[in-house]
Amino acid sequence: MSGPIRVVLVDDQALFRAGIRMVIDSQPDLEVVGEAGDGAEGLRVVRATRPDVVLMDIRMPVMDGLAATAELLADPSLADAPPRIVMLTTFDLDEAAARAIRQGASGFLLKDAEPELLLAALRTVHAGSSVIAASATRDLFAHFAGPAPTEVPAAYGELTEREREIFALAARGLSNAEIAQREYLSEATVKTHISRILGKLALRDRVQLVVFAFEHGLA
């Protein structure tokens, strides 16, 4: 990594932003490069600073985090290096968070999360993994049932029998270690299978794998 992970904070509570900035800026590998008090301002700040990660509150005036996330993820000017977006919410089962993840957000964090969890989440999502456990994503989507499952894409048929078994376990929220123990495999082997599954299905991470499973009736 050539420099610190660059973060933008988008939240309408100035005191909350100040506390988060203090926590993030205390780390040598993390840096807050911008702040905004609503989604519309957040769009301008993100486009100007091109951060690696955006911490986006869901409920804000002017433009909420859901609308801002959708616009950012569809912005062609950010397509070459789209930021990872982490939703901030006060509810662990939040329908808006589920909608944001369907749009492409990398997950969500509770606003009362411990500082250590926040810092770990920023590093994890920047490294290309999901910010929240796949099991939490599964619980979220199980609670807020979406529309009727759509037809399973042809790409799913390209998975080997073993990959489908691993897919099913990952869709249930099992970690690599849990899958490895259950299937008598090494964690490295499970990681390889997961990587191949994500590649074949054109999915970004395990969170998107869970979304895929629910959307196509495979969960």
Protein backbone atom coordinates (compact mmCIF):
# COMPACT_ATOMS: atom_id res chain seq x y z
CA MET A 1 0.00 0.00 0.00
CA SER A 2 1.49 3.33 -1.09
CA GLY A 3 -0.19 5.43 1.60
CA PRO A 4 -2.82 5.49 4.30
CA ILE A 5 -6.37 4.34 3.63
CA ARG A 6 -8.31 7.47 2.75
CA VAL A 7 -11.72 7.84 4.38
CA VAL A 8 -14.66 10.23 3.96
CA LEU A 9 -17.26 10.62 6.73
CA VAL A 10 -20.86 11.44 5.80
CA ASP A 11 -23.10 11.99 8.81
CA ASP A 12 -25.38 14.83 9.91
CA GLN A 13 -24.12 14.79 13.52
CA ALA A 14 -21.01 16.96 13.76
CA LEU A 15 -20.07 15.65 17.20
CA PHE A 16 -20.29 12.05 15.99
CA ARG A 17 -18.08 12.89 12.99
CA ALA A 18 -15.53 14.55 15.27
CA GLY A 19 -15.31 11.44 17.43
CA ILE A 20 -14.94 9.12 14.45
CA ARG A 21 -12.30 11.38 12.90
CA MET A 22 -10.30 11.33 16.14
CA VAL A 23 -10.38 7.52 16.23
CA ILE A 24 -9.40 7.13 12.57
CA ASP A 25 -6.70 9.79 12.51
CA SER A 26 -5.03 8.16 15.53
CA GLN A 27 -3.97 5.31 13.24
CA PRO A 28 -0.87 5.63 11.02
CA ASP A 29 -2.47 3.66 8.18
CA LEU A 30 -5.78 5.56 8.13
CA GLU A 31 -6.64 9.15 7.22
CA VAL A 32 -9.87 11.17 7.08
CA VAL A 33 -9.73 13.25 3.89
CA GLY A 34 -13.20 14.79 3.99
CA GLU A 35 -16.47 15.19 5.86
CA ALA A 36 -20.07 16.00 4.93
CA GLY A 37 -23.28 16.60 6.85
CA ASP A 38 -25.73 15.21 4.28
CA GLY A 39 -25.79 12.97 1.24
CA ALA A 40 -25.71 15.75 -1.35
CA GLU A 41 -22.65 17.34 0.23
CA GLY A 42 -21.18 13.87 0.59
CA LEU A 43 -21.37 13.33 -3.17
CA ARG A 44 -19.39 16.52 -3.77
CA VAL A 45 -16.76 15.62 -1.18
CA VAL A 46 -16.31 12.07 -2.46
CA ARG A 47 -15.97 13.23 -6.06
CA ALA A 48 -13.41 15.83 -5.03
CA THR A 49 -11.29 13.66 -2.73
CA ARG A 50 -11.66 10.18 -4.32
CA PRO A 51 -11.42 8.25 -1.03
CA ASP A 52 -10.87 4.53 -0.62
CA VAL A 53 -13.74 4.09 1.85
CA VAL A 54 -16.88 6.10 2.64
CA LEU A 55 -18.62 5.83 6.00
CA MET A 56 -22.20 6.78 5.07
CA ASP A 57 -25.00 7.42 7.55
CA ILE A 58 -28.34 6.06 6.35
CA ARG A 59 -30.68 8.75 7.69
CA MET A 60 -29.71 12.35 6.87
CA PRO A 61 -31.41 15.55 5.70
CA VAL A 62 -31.34 16.90 2.11
CA MET A 63 -30.30 13.50 0.67
CA ASP A 64 -30.23 10.32 2.70
CA GLY A 65 -27.43 7.78 2.62
CA LEU A 66 -29.38 5.32 0.50
CA ALA A 67 -29.86 7.80 -2.35
CA ALA A 68 -26.27 9.04 -2.07
CA THR A 69 -24.93 5.48 -2.17
CA ALA A 70 -26.95 4.62 -5.27
CA GLU A 71 -25.66 7.74 -7.04
CA LEU A 72 -22.05 7.12 -6.08
CA LEU A 73 -22.10 3.50 -7.22
CA ALA A 74 -23.60 4.53 -10.57
CA ASP A 75 -21.20 7.46 -11.12
CA PRO A 76 -19.08 6.78 -14.24
CA SER A 77 -16.45 9.27 -13.07
CA LEU A 78 -15.67 6.92 -10.15
CA ALA A 79 -15.80 3.71 -12.17
CA ASP A 80 -12.01 3.36 -12.41
CA ALA A 81 -11.62 3.35 -8.62
CA PRO A 82 -15.00 3.17 -6.92
CA PRO A 83 -14.91 3.72 -3.15
CA ARG A 84 -16.08 1.04 -0.78
CA ILE A 85 -19.19 2.24 1.03
CA VAL A 86 -20.01 1.22 4.58
CA MET A 87 -23.43 2.19 5.89
CA LEU A 88 -23.78 3.50 9.44
CA THR A 89 -27.00 2.63 11.24
CA THR A 90 -28.43 2.52 14.74
CA PHE A 91 -30.34 -0.72 14.06
CA ASP A 92 -28.80 -4.16 13.56
CA LEU A 93 -31.82 -5.21 11.46
CA ASP A 94 -32.32 -2.20 9.21
CA GLU A 95 -34.31 -2.49 5.98
CA ALA A 96 -32.48 0.51 4.52
CA ALA A 97 -29.16 -1.23 5.16
CA ALA A 98 -30.44 -4.30 3.32
CA ARG A 99 -31.41 -2.11 0.36
CA ALA A 100 -28.00 -0.42 0.37
CA ILE A 101 -26.21 -3.77 0.31
CA ARG A 102 -28.37 -4.85 -2.64
CA GLN A 103 -27.25 -1.67 -4.40
CA GLY A 104 -23.62 -2.56 -3.84
CA ALA A 105 -22.60 -1.18 -0.45
CA SER A 106 -19.96 -3.30 1.26
CA GLY A 107 -21.94 -3.75 4.45
CA PHE A 108 -22.99 -1.87 7.54
CA LEU A 109 -21.77 -0.97 11.00
CA LEU A 110 -23.75 -0.01 14.07
CA LYS A 111 -23.06 3.55 15.16
CA ASP A 112 -22.33 2.34 18.69
CA ALA A 113 -19.71 -0.16 17.54
CA GLU A 114 -16.47 -0.34 19.49
CA PRO A 115 -13.60 1.74 17.99
CA GLU A 116 -11.55 -1.41 17.41
CA LEU A 117 -14.35 -2.88 15.28
CA LEU A 118 -14.61 0.31 13.23
CA LEU A 119 -10.87 0.35 12.53
CA ALA A 120 -10.83 -3.34 11.66
CA ALA A 121 -13.80 -2.83 9.34
CA LEU A 122 -12.08 -0.03 7.43
CA ARG A 123 -8.98 -2.14 6.89
CA THR A 124 -10.99 -5.22 5.97
CA VAL A 125 -13.19 -3.52 3.40
CA HIS A 126 -10.21 -1.76 1.84
CA ALA A 127 -8.51 -5.15 1.45
CA GLY A 128 -11.49 -6.32 -0.60
CA SER A 129 -13.47 -8.27 1.96
CA SER A 130 -16.90 -7.60 3.34
CA VAL A 131 -17.20 -5.29 6.31
CA ILE A 132 -19.71 -7.42 8.16
CA ALA A 133 -19.95 -11.12 8.74
CA ALA A 134 -21.82 -13.01 6.07
CA SER A 135 -23.96 -14.48 8.86
CA ALA A 136 -25.14 -10.98 9.80
CA THR A 137 -25.96 -10.30 6.15
CA ARG A 138 -27.95 -13.52 6.00
CA ASP A 139 -29.91 -12.56 9.12
CA LEU A 140 -30.60 -9.14 7.63
CA PHE A 141 -31.98 -10.54 4.38
CA ALA A 142 -33.90 -13.31 6.11
CA HIS A 143 -35.64 -10.68 8.23
CA PHE A 144 -36.48 -8.40 5.32
CA ALA A 145 -37.69 -10.79 2.65
CA GLY A 146 -37.30 -9.28 -0.78
CA PRO A 147 -39.27 -9.92 -3.97
CA ALA A 148 -39.87 -13.40 -5.31
CA PRO A 149 -36.63 -15.14 -6.35
CA THR A 150 -35.53 -14.53 -9.91
CA GLU A 151 -34.27 -17.11 -12.37
CA VAL A 152 -30.85 -18.49 -11.50
CA PRO A 153 -28.20 -17.10 -13.91
CA ALA A 154 -26.44 -19.52 -16.25
CA ALA A 155 -23.15 -18.71 -14.52
CA TYR A 156 -24.32 -20.66 -11.47
CA GLY A 157 -24.45 -23.77 -13.63
CA GLU A 158 -20.72 -23.39 -14.28
CA LEU A 159 -19.90 -24.08 -10.65
CA THR A 160 -18.55 -27.53 -9.92
CA GLU A 161 -20.40 -29.78 -7.50
CA ARG A 162 -17.83 -28.99 -4.80
CA GLU A 163 -18.14 -25.26 -5.47
CA ARG A 164 -21.91 -25.46 -5.11
CA GLU A 165 -21.48 -27.16 -1.75
CA ILE A 166 -19.12 -24.39 -0.61
CA PHE A 167 -21.47 -21.76 -2.05
CA ALA A 168 -24.40 -23.15 -0.03
CA LEU A 169 -22.42 -23.10 3.20
CA ALA A 170 -21.13 -19.58 2.58
CA ALA A 171 -24.66 -18.43 1.78
CA ARG A 172 -25.73 -19.71 5.20
CA GLY A 173 -23.17 -17.38 6.75
CA LEU A 174 -20.46 -19.90 7.65
CA SER A 175 -16.92 -18.53 7.83
CA ASN A 176 -13.97 -20.07 5.99
CA ALA A 177 -12.86 -21.74 9.22
CA GLU A 178 -16.31 -23.19 9.85
CA ILE A 179 -16.57 -24.48 6.28
CA ALA A 180 -13.10 -25.99 6.50
CA GLN A 181 -13.97 -27.82 9.72
CA ARG A 182 -17.29 -29.07 8.37
CA GLU A 183 -15.88 -30.25 5.03
CA TYR A 184 -12.51 -31.51 6.32
CA LEU A 185 -10.61 -29.02 4.18
CA SER A 186 -7.86 -26.51 4.90
CA GLU A 187 -8.86 -22.87 5.21
CA ALA A 188 -6.58 -22.10 2.25
CA THR A 189 -8.53 -24.57 0.10
CA VAL A 190 -11.84 -23.05 1.17
CA LYS A 191 -10.50 -19.57 0.39
CA THR A 192 -9.52 -20.77 -3.09
CA HIS A 193 -12.98 -22.22 -3.69
CA ILE A 194 -14.65 -19.00 -2.51
CA SER A 195 -12.40 -16.93 -4.79
CA ARG A 196 -13.31 -19.10 -7.80
CA ILE A 197 -17.03 -18.94 -6.95
CA LEU A 198 -16.93 -15.15 -6.70
CA GLY A 199 -15.07 -14.95 -10.00
CA LYS A 200 -17.47 -17.22 -11.88
CA LEU A 201 -20.53 -15.38 -10.56
CA ALA A 202 -18.96 -11.92 -10.99
CA LEU A 203 -19.50 -11.13 -7.30
CA ARG A 204 -17.34 -8.73 -5.33
CA ASP A 205 -17.31 -10.39 -1.91
CA ARG A 206 -19.07 -12.79 0.45
CA VAL A 207 -21.76 -10.23 1.26
CA GLN A 208 -22.70 -10.11 -2.40
CA LEU A 209 -22.68 -13.93 -2.44
CA VAL A 210 -25.35 -13.94 0.28
CA VAL A 211 -27.39 -11.35 -1.65
CA PHE A 212 -27.07 -13.47 -4.81
CA ALA A 213 -28.29 -16.55 -2.94
CA PHE A 214 -31.34 -14.76 -1.56
CA GLU A 215 -32.23 -13.05 -4.82
CA HIS A 216 -32.20 -16.36 -6.72
CA GLY A 217 -33.78 -18.59 -4.08
CA LEU A 218 -30.56 -20.42 -3.31
CA ALA A 219 -30.29 -19.46 0.38
